[in-house]
Amino acid sequence: MSAQAAWMARTWRTADLAGRWGFGLLIAMALFAFFGPLVSRFDPAAIDLAGRLTGPSVTHWFGTDELGRDLFARVASGARLSLLAAVSVVFITIAFGILIGGLAGLIGGFFETVIMRAVDIMLSIPALVLAIALAAALGPSLINALTALIVVRLPVFIRLARAQTLSIKSRAFVDAARMAGAGPFYQLRHHILPNLMGIMLVQGLMDMAGVVLAAAA
């Protein structure tokens, strides 16, 4: 079993009842987002003015809006898009944050100085304003909007990964690996990453709601 799989198994065993219920709710929402559009019989964009503003029924489970569009179909379609956007942005920023921030903390010196000054400059600009400016510069599309959000959220994860790496690399097992000739990438993969993944995932899950709101904006 890999270090990451062992960490996930240990986390599940030690999770309390509320944590497991929360995880179950998250899974249920994910299943709804992915399979809800397949269950719905209606096109989320189809307009039916004769059936507008109806309440929940056997035909329209959530009712219809002011244009007669089926609300269940629209909620399911929007949930899928929002979840895909949030998961894509969060996991890409986690991956690059660990890589860049972890190497900055391990290597130090000029490389760390350049990375952290660039992070400071980006964090000095309001995140939503920067995201909108980048999305406008790249052009109107979902991929460009997600790319802008990744660029905006990345400095937070780089700073967090670098701070945790500075703490972890001072421990004895990392010193032993370094004295044995392990390079920065080996240390990052086998020693830093297993101890860094927990806090990065927590930050990522907390960041998902903000990503959904920013993507809508």
N, C-alpha and C. Protein backbone atom coordinates (compact mmCIF):
# COMPACT_ATOMS: atom_id res chain seq x y z
N MET A 1 0.85 -1.20 0.00
CA MET A 1 0.00 0.00 0.00
C MET A 1 0.88 1.24 0.00
N SER A 2 0.58 2.19 -0.87
CA SER A 2 1.36 3.42 -0.95
C SER A 2 1.13 4.28 0.28
N ALA A 3 1.99 5.28 0.45
CA ALA A 3 1.85 6.17 1.61
C ALA A 3 0.55 6.96 1.55
N GLN A 4 0.15 7.38 0.34
CA GLN A 4 -1.09 8.13 0.20
C GLN A 4 -2.31 7.27 0.53
N ALA A 5 -2.32 5.99 0.05
CA ALA A 5 -3.44 5.10 0.34
C ALA A 5 -3.50 4.79 1.83
N ALA A 6 -2.34 4.61 2.46
CA ALA A 6 -2.31 4.35 3.89
C ALA A 6 -2.84 5.54 4.67
N TRP A 7 -2.49 6.75 4.23
CA TRP A 7 -3.01 7.96 4.91
C TRP A 7 -4.52 8.04 4.80
N MET A 8 -5.08 7.74 3.62
CA MET A 8 -6.52 7.80 3.42
C MET A 8 -7.23 6.76 4.28
N ALA A 9 -6.67 5.54 4.36
CA ALA A 9 -7.29 4.50 5.18
C ALA A 9 -7.25 4.87 6.65
N ARG A 10 -6.14 5.43 7.11
CA ARG A 10 -6.01 5.83 8.51
C ARG A 10 -6.97 6.98 8.83
N THR A 11 -7.11 7.91 7.88
CA THR A 11 -8.03 9.03 8.10
C THR A 11 -9.47 8.56 8.22
N TRP A 12 -9.86 7.59 7.38
CA TRP A 12 -11.24 7.08 7.43
C TRP A 12 -11.49 6.35 8.75
N ARG A 13 -10.51 5.57 9.22
CA ARG A 13 -10.70 4.83 10.47
C ARG A 13 -10.84 5.75 11.66
N THR A 14 -10.14 6.87 11.64
CA THR A 14 -10.16 7.79 12.79
C THR A 14 -11.22 8.88 12.66
N ALA A 15 -11.95 8.92 11.55
CA ALA A 15 -12.97 9.95 11.36
C ALA A 15 -14.15 9.72 12.29
N ASP A 16 -14.73 10.80 12.81
CA ASP A 16 -15.88 10.66 13.68
C ASP A 16 -17.15 10.49 12.85
N LEU A 17 -18.29 10.29 13.53
CA LEU A 17 -19.55 10.02 12.84
C LEU A 17 -19.96 11.20 11.96
N ALA A 18 -19.79 12.42 12.46
CA ALA A 18 -20.16 13.60 11.67
C ALA A 18 -19.32 13.68 10.39
N GLY A 19 -18.04 13.35 10.50
CA GLY A 19 -17.18 13.37 9.33
C GLY A 19 -17.60 12.36 8.28
N ARG A 20 -18.02 11.18 8.73
CA ARG A 20 -18.45 10.15 7.78
C ARG A 20 -19.78 10.52 7.13
N TRP A 21 -20.69 11.11 7.92
CA TRP A 21 -21.95 11.59 7.35
C TRP A 21 -21.69 12.69 6.32
N GLY A 22 -20.77 13.59 6.64
CA GLY A 22 -20.42 14.64 5.69
C GLY A 22 -19.84 14.08 4.41
N PHE A 23 -18.98 13.07 4.55
CA PHE A 23 -18.40 12.43 3.37
C PHE A 23 -19.49 11.75 2.55
N GLY A 24 -20.43 11.10 3.22
CA GLY A 24 -21.54 10.46 2.51
C GLY A 24 -22.40 11.47 1.77
N LEU A 25 -22.64 12.63 2.40
CA LEU A 25 -23.41 13.68 1.74
C LEU A 25 -22.68 14.20 0.51
N LEU A 26 -21.38 14.34 0.63
CA LEU A 26 -20.58 14.79 -0.52
C LEU A 26 -20.67 13.79 -1.68
N ILE A 27 -20.61 12.50 -1.36
CA ILE A 27 -20.72 11.48 -2.39
C ILE A 27 -22.10 11.53 -3.04
N ALA A 28 -23.15 11.72 -2.22
CA ALA A 28 -24.51 11.80 -2.76
C ALA A 28 -24.66 12.99 -3.71
N MET A 29 -24.08 14.14 -3.34
CA MET A 29 -24.14 15.31 -4.20
C MET A 29 -23.38 15.08 -5.50
N ALA A 30 -22.25 14.39 -5.40
CA ALA A 30 -21.48 14.10 -6.61
C ALA A 30 -22.24 13.16 -7.54
N LEU A 31 -22.90 12.15 -6.97
CA LEU A 31 -23.70 11.24 -7.79
C LEU A 31 -24.86 11.97 -8.46
N PHE A 32 -25.50 12.89 -7.70
CA PHE A 32 -26.58 13.67 -8.29
C PHE A 32 -26.08 14.53 -9.44
N ALA A 33 -24.89 15.14 -9.26
CA ALA A 33 -24.34 16.01 -10.29
C ALA A 33 -24.03 15.24 -11.57
N PHE A 34 -23.52 14.02 -11.43
CA PHE A 34 -23.11 13.28 -12.61
C PHE A 34 -24.24 12.50 -13.26
N PHE A 35 -25.18 11.98 -12.45
CA PHE A 35 -26.22 11.14 -13.01
C PHE A 35 -27.58 11.83 -13.09
N GLY A 36 -27.73 13.00 -12.44
CA GLY A 36 -28.99 13.72 -12.50
C GLY A 36 -29.42 14.08 -13.91
N PRO A 37 -28.52 14.63 -14.74
CA PRO A 37 -28.90 14.96 -16.12
C PRO A 37 -29.34 13.74 -16.93
N LEU A 38 -28.86 12.56 -16.58
CA LEU A 38 -29.26 11.35 -17.30
C LEU A 38 -30.66 10.90 -16.90
N VAL A 39 -31.05 11.23 -15.65
CA VAL A 39 -32.37 10.84 -15.16
C VAL A 39 -33.45 11.76 -15.70
N SER A 40 -33.13 13.04 -15.83
CA SER A 40 -34.11 14.03 -16.28
C SER A 40 -34.53 13.76 -17.72
N ARG A 41 -35.82 13.95 -17.99
CA ARG A 41 -36.35 13.76 -19.34
C ARG A 41 -36.38 15.04 -20.15
N PHE A 42 -35.97 16.16 -19.54
CA PHE A 42 -36.13 17.46 -20.19
C PHE A 42 -34.78 18.09 -20.48
N ASP A 43 -34.78 18.92 -21.53
CA ASP A 43 -33.62 19.74 -21.86
C ASP A 43 -33.62 20.95 -20.92
N PRO A 44 -32.52 21.19 -20.20
CA PRO A 44 -32.51 22.31 -19.24
C PRO A 44 -32.72 23.67 -19.90
N ALA A 45 -32.51 23.78 -21.20
CA ALA A 45 -32.68 25.06 -21.89
C ALA A 45 -34.00 25.15 -22.65
N ALA A 46 -34.80 24.08 -22.62
CA ALA A 46 -36.06 24.07 -23.39
C ALA A 46 -37.09 24.99 -22.73
N ILE A 47 -37.68 25.88 -23.51
CA ILE A 47 -38.66 26.86 -23.01
C ILE A 47 -40.08 26.36 -23.32
N ASP A 48 -40.96 26.45 -22.31
CA ASP A 48 -42.37 26.07 -22.47
C ASP A 48 -43.21 27.11 -21.71
N LEU A 49 -43.56 28.19 -22.38
CA LEU A 49 -44.28 29.28 -21.73
C LEU A 49 -45.64 28.86 -21.21
N ALA A 50 -46.24 27.85 -21.81
CA ALA A 50 -47.55 27.39 -21.35
C ALA A 50 -47.46 26.70 -19.99
N GLY A 51 -46.28 26.20 -19.63
CA GLY A 51 -46.14 25.49 -18.36
C GLY A 51 -45.22 26.19 -17.39
N ARG A 52 -45.18 27.52 -17.44
CA ARG A 52 -44.25 28.25 -16.58
C ARG A 52 -44.76 28.38 -15.15
N LEU A 53 -43.81 28.45 -14.22
CA LEU A 53 -44.07 28.68 -12.79
C LEU A 53 -45.03 27.65 -12.20
N THR A 54 -44.85 26.40 -12.58
CA THR A 54 -45.63 25.33 -11.96
C THR A 54 -44.88 24.77 -10.76
N GLY A 55 -45.60 24.21 -9.81
CA GLY A 55 -45.00 23.62 -8.64
C GLY A 55 -44.46 22.22 -8.91
N PRO A 56 -43.81 21.62 -7.92
CA PRO A 56 -43.30 20.25 -8.08
C PRO A 56 -44.44 19.29 -8.41
N SER A 57 -44.17 18.38 -9.33
CA SER A 57 -45.17 17.41 -9.76
C SER A 57 -44.46 16.15 -10.23
N VAL A 58 -45.26 15.16 -10.63
CA VAL A 58 -44.69 13.92 -11.15
C VAL A 58 -43.91 14.19 -12.43
N THR A 59 -44.40 15.13 -13.23
CA THR A 59 -43.72 15.45 -14.49
C THR A 59 -42.49 16.32 -14.27
N HIS A 60 -42.67 17.40 -13.52
CA HIS A 60 -41.55 18.31 -13.20
C HIS A 60 -41.27 18.22 -11.70
N TRP A 61 -40.25 17.47 -11.34
CA TRP A 61 -39.99 17.15 -9.93
C TRP A 61 -39.73 18.38 -9.08
N PHE A 62 -39.03 19.37 -9.62
CA PHE A 62 -38.75 20.61 -8.90
C PHE A 62 -39.61 21.77 -9.38
N GLY A 63 -40.55 21.51 -10.27
CA GLY A 63 -41.35 22.57 -10.85
C GLY A 63 -40.67 23.20 -12.06
N THR A 64 -41.21 24.34 -12.49
CA THR A 64 -40.64 25.06 -13.63
C THR A 64 -40.40 26.52 -13.27
N ASP A 65 -39.54 27.20 -14.07
CA ASP A 65 -39.24 28.60 -13.80
C ASP A 65 -40.15 29.51 -14.61
N GLU A 66 -39.82 30.80 -14.66
CA GLU A 66 -40.67 31.77 -15.33
C GLU A 66 -40.74 31.58 -16.85
N LEU A 67 -39.84 30.78 -17.40
CA LEU A 67 -39.88 30.49 -18.84
C LEU A 67 -40.33 29.07 -19.13
N GLY A 68 -40.78 28.38 -18.10
CA GLY A 68 -41.26 27.03 -18.30
C GLY A 68 -40.17 25.97 -18.38
N ARG A 69 -38.94 26.32 -18.04
CA ARG A 69 -37.86 25.35 -18.08
C ARG A 69 -37.88 24.47 -16.83
N ASP A 70 -37.59 23.20 -17.02
CA ASP A 70 -37.64 22.24 -15.91
C ASP A 70 -36.51 22.52 -14.91
N LEU A 71 -36.87 22.78 -13.66
CA LEU A 71 -35.88 23.16 -12.66
C LEU A 71 -34.99 22.00 -12.25
N PHE A 72 -35.52 20.79 -12.22
CA PHE A 72 -34.67 19.64 -11.88
C PHE A 72 -33.56 19.48 -12.91
N ALA A 73 -33.91 19.59 -14.18
CA ALA A 73 -32.90 19.46 -15.23
C ALA A 73 -31.86 20.57 -15.13
N ARG A 74 -32.30 21.78 -14.80
CA ARG A 74 -31.37 22.90 -14.70
C ARG A 74 -30.47 22.77 -13.48
N VAL A 75 -31.04 22.34 -12.35
CA VAL A 75 -30.23 22.14 -11.15
C VAL A 75 -29.20 21.04 -11.37
N ALA A 76 -29.63 19.93 -11.98
CA ALA A 76 -28.71 18.82 -12.22
C ALA A 76 -27.59 19.22 -13.18
N SER A 77 -27.96 19.93 -14.25
CA SER A 77 -26.95 20.36 -15.21
C SER A 77 -25.98 21.37 -14.59
N GLY A 78 -26.53 22.32 -13.81
CA GLY A 78 -25.67 23.29 -13.15
C GLY A 78 -24.79 22.67 -12.10
N ALA A 79 -25.30 21.66 -11.38
CA ALA A 79 -24.50 20.99 -10.36
C ALA A 79 -23.32 20.26 -10.99
N ARG A 80 -23.56 19.62 -12.12
CA ARG A 80 -22.46 18.92 -12.79
C ARG A 80 -21.37 19.90 -13.22
N LEU A 81 -21.79 21.00 -13.83
CA LEU A 81 -20.82 22.00 -14.30
C LEU A 81 -20.05 22.62 -13.13
N SER A 82 -20.77 22.95 -12.06
CA SER A 82 -20.13 23.56 -10.90
C SER A 82 -19.15 22.60 -10.24
N LEU A 83 -19.55 21.33 -10.10
CA LEU A 83 -18.68 20.35 -9.45
C LEU A 83 -17.44 20.09 -10.29
N LEU A 84 -17.62 19.96 -11.59
CA LEU A 84 -16.45 19.74 -12.46
C LEU A 84 -15.49 20.92 -12.39
N ALA A 85 -16.04 22.13 -12.39
CA ALA A 85 -15.19 23.31 -12.31
C ALA A 85 -14.44 23.35 -10.98
N ALA A 86 -15.14 23.10 -9.88
CA ALA A 86 -14.51 23.17 -8.56
C ALA A 86 -13.44 22.10 -8.41
N VAL A 87 -13.77 20.86 -8.79
CA VAL A 87 -12.81 19.76 -8.64
C VAL A 87 -11.59 19.99 -9.53
N SER A 88 -11.82 20.41 -10.76
CA SER A 88 -10.69 20.63 -11.68
C SER A 88 -9.75 21.71 -11.15
N VAL A 89 -10.31 22.85 -10.76
CA VAL A 89 -9.48 23.95 -10.28
C VAL A 89 -8.74 23.56 -9.01
N VAL A 90 -9.44 22.95 -8.06
CA VAL A 90 -8.83 22.64 -6.76
C VAL A 90 -7.71 21.62 -6.90
N PHE A 91 -7.94 20.54 -7.64
CA PHE A 91 -6.92 19.50 -7.71
C PHE A 91 -5.73 19.92 -8.57
N ILE A 92 -5.95 20.73 -9.58
CA ILE A 92 -4.82 21.23 -10.35
C ILE A 92 -3.99 22.20 -9.52
N THR A 93 -4.66 23.07 -8.76
CA THR A 93 -3.91 24.00 -7.91
C THR A 93 -3.19 23.27 -6.79
N ILE A 94 -3.79 22.21 -6.25
CA ILE A 94 -3.10 21.41 -5.23
C ILE A 94 -1.84 20.79 -5.81
N ALA A 95 -1.95 20.19 -7.00
CA ALA A 95 -0.81 19.53 -7.62
C ALA A 95 0.34 20.51 -7.89
N PHE A 96 0.02 21.63 -8.53
CA PHE A 96 1.06 22.60 -8.84
C PHE A 96 1.54 23.33 -7.57
N GLY A 97 0.63 23.53 -6.63
CA GLY A 97 1.03 24.16 -5.38
C GLY A 97 2.04 23.33 -4.62
N ILE A 98 1.79 22.02 -4.55
CA ILE A 98 2.74 21.13 -3.87
C ILE A 98 4.07 21.09 -4.61
N LEU A 99 4.01 21.01 -5.94
CA LEU A 99 5.25 20.94 -6.72
C LEU A 99 6.09 22.21 -6.57
N ILE A 100 5.45 23.37 -6.80
CA ILE A 100 6.21 24.63 -6.77
C ILE A 100 6.55 25.03 -5.34
N GLY A 101 5.55 25.01 -4.46
CA GLY A 101 5.81 25.40 -3.07
C GLY A 101 6.72 24.43 -2.35
N GLY A 102 6.55 23.11 -2.64
CA GLY A 102 7.42 22.13 -2.00
C GLY A 102 8.87 22.28 -2.44
N LEU A 103 9.09 22.47 -3.74
CA LEU A 103 10.46 22.66 -4.22
C LEU A 103 11.05 23.97 -3.71
N ALA A 104 10.23 25.02 -3.61
CA ALA A 104 10.73 26.29 -3.07
C ALA A 104 11.20 26.12 -1.64
N GLY A 105 10.43 25.37 -0.84
CA GLY A 105 10.84 25.14 0.54
C GLY A 105 12.05 24.24 0.67
N LEU A 106 12.17 23.25 -0.24
CA LEU A 106 13.31 22.32 -0.18
C LEU A 106 14.60 22.93 -0.71
N ILE A 107 14.50 23.62 -1.86
CA ILE A 107 15.70 24.15 -2.50
C ILE A 107 16.16 25.44 -1.84
N GLY A 108 15.20 26.34 -1.56
CA GLY A 108 15.54 27.61 -0.92
C GLY A 108 16.33 28.52 -1.84
N GLY A 109 17.03 29.46 -1.26
CA GLY A 109 17.90 30.34 -2.03
C GLY A 109 17.17 31.24 -3.01
N PHE A 110 17.80 31.48 -4.15
CA PHE A 110 17.26 32.39 -5.16
C PHE A 110 15.93 31.89 -5.72
N PHE A 111 15.82 30.58 -5.92
CA PHE A 111 14.58 30.00 -6.45
C PHE A 111 13.40 30.30 -5.53
N GLU A 112 13.60 30.10 -4.25
CA GLU A 112 12.54 30.36 -3.29
C GLU A 112 12.19 31.85 -3.25
N THR A 113 13.19 32.71 -3.31
CA THR A 113 12.94 34.16 -3.28
C THR A 113 12.10 34.61 -4.47
N VAL A 114 12.45 34.14 -5.66
CA VAL A 114 11.71 34.53 -6.87
C VAL A 114 10.26 34.04 -6.78
N ILE A 115 10.08 32.78 -6.39
CA ILE A 115 8.72 32.21 -6.30
C ILE A 115 7.87 32.97 -5.29
N MET A 116 8.41 33.23 -4.12
CA MET A 116 7.61 33.85 -3.07
C MET A 116 7.33 35.33 -3.36
N ARG A 117 8.25 36.03 -4.03
CA ARG A 117 7.96 37.41 -4.39
C ARG A 117 6.87 37.46 -5.46
N ALA A 118 6.88 36.52 -6.40
CA ALA A 118 5.82 36.45 -7.39
C ALA A 118 4.47 36.14 -6.72
N VAL A 119 4.50 35.26 -5.73
CA VAL A 119 3.28 34.95 -4.98
C VAL A 119 2.77 36.18 -4.24
N ASP A 120 3.67 36.93 -3.62
CA ASP A 120 3.27 38.14 -2.89
C ASP A 120 2.62 39.16 -3.82
N ILE A 121 3.17 39.31 -5.02
CA ILE A 121 2.61 40.27 -5.98
C ILE A 121 1.20 39.85 -6.38
N MET A 122 1.01 38.55 -6.64
CA MET A 122 -0.31 38.07 -7.06
C MET A 122 -1.33 38.18 -5.93
N LEU A 123 -0.89 37.92 -4.70
CA LEU A 123 -1.82 38.01 -3.56
C LEU A 123 -2.18 39.46 -3.23
N SER A 124 -1.38 40.42 -3.70
CA SER A 124 -1.69 41.82 -3.43
C SER A 124 -2.83 42.35 -4.31
N ILE A 125 -3.18 41.59 -5.35
CA ILE A 125 -4.28 41.98 -6.25
C ILE A 125 -5.54 41.23 -5.84
N PRO A 126 -6.69 41.91 -5.73
CA PRO A 126 -7.94 41.20 -5.39
C PRO A 126 -8.18 40.03 -6.33
N ALA A 127 -8.45 38.86 -5.74
CA ALA A 127 -8.51 37.62 -6.52
C ALA A 127 -9.60 37.66 -7.59
N LEU A 128 -10.78 38.14 -7.24
CA LEU A 128 -11.87 38.13 -8.22
C LEU A 128 -11.59 39.09 -9.36
N VAL A 129 -11.01 40.26 -9.04
CA VAL A 129 -10.67 41.22 -10.10
C VAL A 129 -9.64 40.64 -11.05
N LEU A 130 -8.62 39.97 -10.48
CA LEU A 130 -7.59 39.36 -11.32
C LEU A 130 -8.17 38.24 -12.17
N ALA A 131 -9.07 37.44 -11.60
CA ALA A 131 -9.68 36.34 -12.36
C ALA A 131 -10.51 36.87 -13.51
N ILE A 132 -11.30 37.90 -13.28
CA ILE A 132 -12.13 38.47 -14.34
C ILE A 132 -11.25 39.07 -15.43
N ALA A 133 -10.17 39.76 -15.03
CA ALA A 133 -9.26 40.35 -16.01
C ALA A 133 -8.59 39.28 -16.87
N LEU A 134 -8.15 38.19 -16.24
CA LEU A 134 -7.51 37.11 -17.00
C LEU A 134 -8.51 36.42 -17.93
N ALA A 135 -9.72 36.17 -17.43
CA ALA A 135 -10.75 35.53 -18.26
C ALA A 135 -11.10 36.41 -19.46
N ALA A 136 -11.18 37.73 -19.23
CA ALA A 136 -11.49 38.64 -20.33
C ALA A 136 -10.35 38.67 -21.35
N ALA A 137 -9.11 38.61 -20.86
CA ALA A 137 -7.97 38.64 -21.77
C ALA A 137 -7.86 37.35 -22.58
N LEU A 138 -8.19 36.21 -21.97
CA LEU A 138 -8.08 34.93 -22.65
C LEU A 138 -9.24 34.68 -23.61
N GLY A 139 -10.39 35.29 -23.33
CA GLY A 139 -11.56 35.09 -24.19
C GLY A 139 -12.66 34.34 -23.48
N PRO A 140 -13.91 34.50 -23.93
CA PRO A 140 -15.05 33.90 -23.25
C PRO A 140 -15.20 32.41 -23.54
N SER A 141 -14.81 31.58 -22.60
CA SER A 141 -15.04 30.14 -22.68
C SER A 141 -14.84 29.55 -21.29
N LEU A 142 -15.41 28.37 -21.06
CA LEU A 142 -15.30 27.74 -19.75
C LEU A 142 -13.85 27.39 -19.43
N ILE A 143 -13.12 26.89 -20.41
CA ILE A 143 -11.72 26.50 -20.18
C ILE A 143 -10.89 27.71 -19.78
N ASN A 144 -11.10 28.84 -20.45
CA ASN A 144 -10.34 30.05 -20.11
C ASN A 144 -10.71 30.56 -18.72
N ALA A 145 -12.00 30.46 -18.37
CA ALA A 145 -12.42 30.88 -17.04
C ALA A 145 -11.76 30.02 -15.97
N LEU A 146 -11.72 28.70 -16.19
CA LEU A 146 -11.08 27.80 -15.23
C LEU A 146 -9.58 28.05 -15.16
N THR A 147 -8.96 28.33 -16.30
CA THR A 147 -7.53 28.65 -16.31
C THR A 147 -7.25 29.90 -15.48
N ALA A 148 -8.10 30.91 -15.61
CA ALA A 148 -7.94 32.13 -14.82
C ALA A 148 -8.09 31.83 -13.34
N LEU A 149 -9.04 30.99 -12.97
CA LEU A 149 -9.23 30.65 -11.56
C LEU A 149 -8.04 29.87 -11.01
N ILE A 150 -7.47 28.99 -11.83
CA ILE A 150 -6.29 28.24 -11.38
C ILE A 150 -5.13 29.18 -11.10
N VAL A 151 -4.91 30.14 -11.99
CA VAL A 151 -3.82 31.10 -11.80
C VAL A 151 -4.05 31.93 -10.54
N VAL A 152 -5.31 32.30 -10.29
CA VAL A 152 -5.62 33.15 -9.14
C VAL A 152 -5.49 32.39 -7.83
N ARG A 153 -5.93 31.12 -7.79
CA ARG A 153 -5.92 30.35 -6.54
C ARG A 153 -4.57 29.72 -6.25
N LEU A 154 -3.72 29.59 -7.27
CA LEU A 154 -2.45 28.90 -7.10
C LEU A 154 -1.55 29.51 -6.02
N PRO A 155 -1.40 30.85 -5.93
CA PRO A 155 -0.51 31.41 -4.91
C PRO A 155 -0.85 30.98 -3.48
N VAL A 156 -2.13 30.80 -3.17
CA VAL A 156 -2.52 30.38 -1.81
C VAL A 156 -1.95 29.01 -1.50
N PHE A 157 -2.03 28.09 -2.47
CA PHE A 157 -1.54 26.74 -2.24
C PHE A 157 -0.02 26.68 -2.27
N ILE A 158 0.61 27.52 -3.08
CA ILE A 158 2.08 27.56 -3.08
C ILE A 158 2.60 28.02 -1.73
N ARG A 159 2.01 29.07 -1.18
CA ARG A 159 2.45 29.58 0.11
C ARG A 159 2.23 28.55 1.21
N LEU A 160 1.08 27.88 1.20
CA LEU A 160 0.79 26.87 2.21
C LEU A 160 1.75 25.69 2.10
N ALA A 161 1.99 25.22 0.88
CA ALA A 161 2.89 24.09 0.68
C ALA A 161 4.32 24.44 1.09
N ARG A 162 4.74 25.64 0.78
CA ARG A 162 6.10 26.05 1.15
C ARG A 162 6.27 26.14 2.66
N ALA A 163 5.26 26.71 3.34
CA ALA A 163 5.34 26.83 4.80
C ALA A 163 5.38 25.46 5.47
N GLN A 164 4.56 24.54 5.00
CA GLN A 164 4.55 23.19 5.59
C GLN A 164 5.83 22.44 5.26
N THR A 165 6.37 22.65 4.06
CA THR A 165 7.61 21.98 3.67
C THR A 165 8.78 22.44 4.55
N LEU A 166 8.83 23.73 4.86
CA LEU A 166 9.89 24.23 5.74
C LEU A 166 9.84 23.56 7.11
N SER A 167 8.62 23.26 7.57
CA SER A 167 8.48 22.58 8.86
C SER A 167 8.86 21.10 8.75
N ILE A 168 8.42 20.45 7.68
CA ILE A 168 8.64 19.02 7.55
C ILE A 168 10.11 18.68 7.25
N LYS A 169 10.77 19.52 6.45
CA LYS A 169 12.13 19.18 6.02
C LYS A 169 13.15 19.25 7.16
N SER A 170 12.78 19.85 8.28
CA SER A 170 13.69 19.92 9.43
C SER A 170 13.61 18.66 10.30
N ARG A 171 12.73 17.73 9.96
CA ARG A 171 12.59 16.51 10.76
C ARG A 171 13.69 15.51 10.42
N ALA A 172 13.89 14.57 11.34
CA ALA A 172 15.03 13.66 11.24
C ALA A 172 14.97 12.77 10.01
N PHE A 173 13.78 12.29 9.65
CA PHE A 173 13.72 11.35 8.52
C PHE A 173 14.05 12.04 7.20
N VAL A 174 13.76 13.34 7.08
CA VAL A 174 14.13 14.06 5.87
C VAL A 174 15.64 14.33 5.87
N ASP A 175 16.20 14.67 7.02
CA ASP A 175 17.66 14.85 7.12
C ASP A 175 18.39 13.57 6.75
N ALA A 176 17.85 12.41 7.20
CA ALA A 176 18.49 11.12 6.88
C ALA A 176 18.44 10.85 5.38
N ALA A 177 17.30 11.16 4.75
CA ALA A 177 17.20 10.96 3.30
C ALA A 177 18.16 11.88 2.55
N ARG A 178 18.29 13.11 3.03
CA ARG A 178 19.18 14.06 2.37
C ARG A 178 20.63 13.60 2.50
N MET A 179 21.02 13.13 3.67
CA MET A 179 22.40 12.66 3.88
C MET A 179 22.67 11.39 3.08
N ALA A 180 21.61 10.62 2.78
CA ALA A 180 21.79 9.40 1.98
C ALA A 180 21.89 9.71 0.49
N GLY A 181 21.74 10.98 0.11
CA GLY A 181 21.90 11.38 -1.29
C GLY A 181 20.60 11.60 -2.04
N ALA A 182 19.46 11.61 -1.34
CA ALA A 182 18.18 11.83 -2.01
C ALA A 182 18.08 13.26 -2.51
N GLY A 183 17.64 13.42 -3.76
CA GLY A 183 17.48 14.74 -4.34
C GLY A 183 16.16 15.38 -3.94
N PRO A 184 15.95 16.63 -4.35
CA PRO A 184 14.73 17.35 -3.96
C PRO A 184 13.44 16.65 -4.41
N PHE A 185 13.43 16.11 -5.65
CA PHE A 185 12.22 15.46 -6.14
C PHE A 185 11.93 14.18 -5.37
N TYR A 186 12.96 13.44 -5.03
CA TYR A 186 12.77 12.22 -4.23
C TYR A 186 12.24 12.57 -2.84
N GLN A 187 12.83 13.58 -2.22
CA GLN A 187 12.36 14.00 -0.90
C GLN A 187 10.91 14.48 -0.96
N LEU A 188 10.60 15.22 -2.02
CA LEU A 188 9.24 15.75 -2.16
C LEU A 188 8.23 14.62 -2.31
N ARG A 189 8.55 13.63 -3.13
CA ARG A 189 7.60 12.55 -3.40
C ARG A 189 7.45 11.60 -2.23
N HIS A 190 8.55 11.19 -1.62
CA HIS A 190 8.50 10.11 -0.63
C HIS A 190 8.40 10.59 0.81
N HIS A 191 8.76 11.83 1.07
CA HIS A 191 8.78 12.29 2.47
C HIS A 191 7.90 13.52 2.71
N ILE A 192 7.96 14.48 1.82
CA ILE A 192 7.16 15.71 2.01
C ILE A 192 5.70 15.47 1.66
N LEU A 193 5.45 14.87 0.50
CA LEU A 193 4.08 14.71 0.01
C LEU A 193 3.16 13.96 0.97
N PRO A 194 3.55 12.79 1.53
CA PRO A 194 2.64 12.09 2.44
C PRO A 194 2.27 12.91 3.67
N ASN A 195 3.17 13.77 4.13
CA ASN A 195 2.90 14.59 5.30
C ASN A 195 2.22 15.91 4.95
N LEU A 196 2.21 16.23 3.67
CA LEU A 196 1.65 17.50 3.21
C LEU A 196 0.24 17.35 2.67
N MET A 197 -0.10 16.14 2.22
CA MET A 197 -1.35 15.94 1.50
C MET A 197 -2.58 16.26 2.34
N GLY A 198 -2.55 15.90 3.62
CA GLY A 198 -3.72 16.11 4.47
C GLY A 198 -4.16 17.56 4.54
N ILE A 199 -3.25 18.45 4.88
CA ILE A 199 -3.61 19.86 5.04
C ILE A 199 -3.93 20.50 3.70
N MET A 200 -3.31 20.02 2.60
CA MET A 200 -3.62 20.57 1.28
C MET A 200 -5.03 20.18 0.84
N LEU A 201 -5.43 18.94 1.13
CA LEU A 201 -6.78 18.51 0.78
C LEU A 201 -7.83 19.27 1.59
N VAL A 202 -7.54 19.50 2.86
CA VAL A 202 -8.47 20.28 3.69
C VAL A 202 -8.63 21.69 3.13
N GLN A 203 -7.52 22.32 2.79
CA GLN A 203 -7.58 23.66 2.20
C GLN A 203 -8.33 23.63 0.87
N GLY A 204 -8.10 22.58 0.08
CA GLY A 204 -8.78 22.47 -1.20
C GLY A 204 -10.28 22.32 -1.07
N LEU A 205 -10.72 21.47 -0.13
CA LEU A 205 -12.16 21.29 0.08
C LEU A 205 -12.80 22.57 0.59
N MET A 206 -12.11 23.31 1.45
CA MET A 206 -12.64 24.58 1.92
C MET A 206 -12.69 25.61 0.79
N ASP A 207 -11.84 25.45 -0.20
CA ASP A 207 -11.74 26.41 -1.30
C ASP A 207 -12.77 26.17 -2.39
N MET A 208 -13.42 25.00 -2.38
CA MET A 208 -14.33 24.64 -3.48
C MET A 208 -15.49 25.60 -3.59
N ALA A 209 -16.08 25.98 -2.46
CA ALA A 209 -17.22 26.90 -2.49
C ALA A 209 -16.82 28.23 -3.12
N GLY A 210 -15.65 28.74 -2.76
CA GLY A 210 -15.18 29.99 -3.34
C GLY A 210 -14.94 29.88 -4.83
N VAL A 211 -14.45 28.72 -5.27
CA VAL A 211 -14.22 28.51 -6.70
C VAL A 211 -15.53 28.52 -7.47
N VAL A 212 -16.57 27.89 -6.92
CA VAL A 212 -17.87 27.87 -7.59
C VAL A 212 -18.42 29.30 -7.73
N LEU A 213 -18.34 30.08 -6.65
CA LEU A 213 -18.82 31.46 -6.70
C LEU A 213 -18.01 32.31 -7.68
N ALA A 214 -16.68 32.11 -7.67
CA ALA A 214 -15.84 32.89 -8.58
C ALA A 214 -16.10 32.50 -10.03
N ALA A 215 -16.32 31.21 -10.29
CA ALA A 215 -16.61 30.76 -11.65
C ALA A 215 -17.92 31.37 -12.15
N ALA A 216 -18.91 31.45 -11.26
CA ALA A 216 -20.18 32.07 -11.65
C ALA A 216 -19.98 33.56 -11.97
N ALA A 217 -19.15 34.21 -11.17
CA ALA A 217 -18.89 35.63 -11.41
C ALA A 217 -18.14 35.83 -12.72
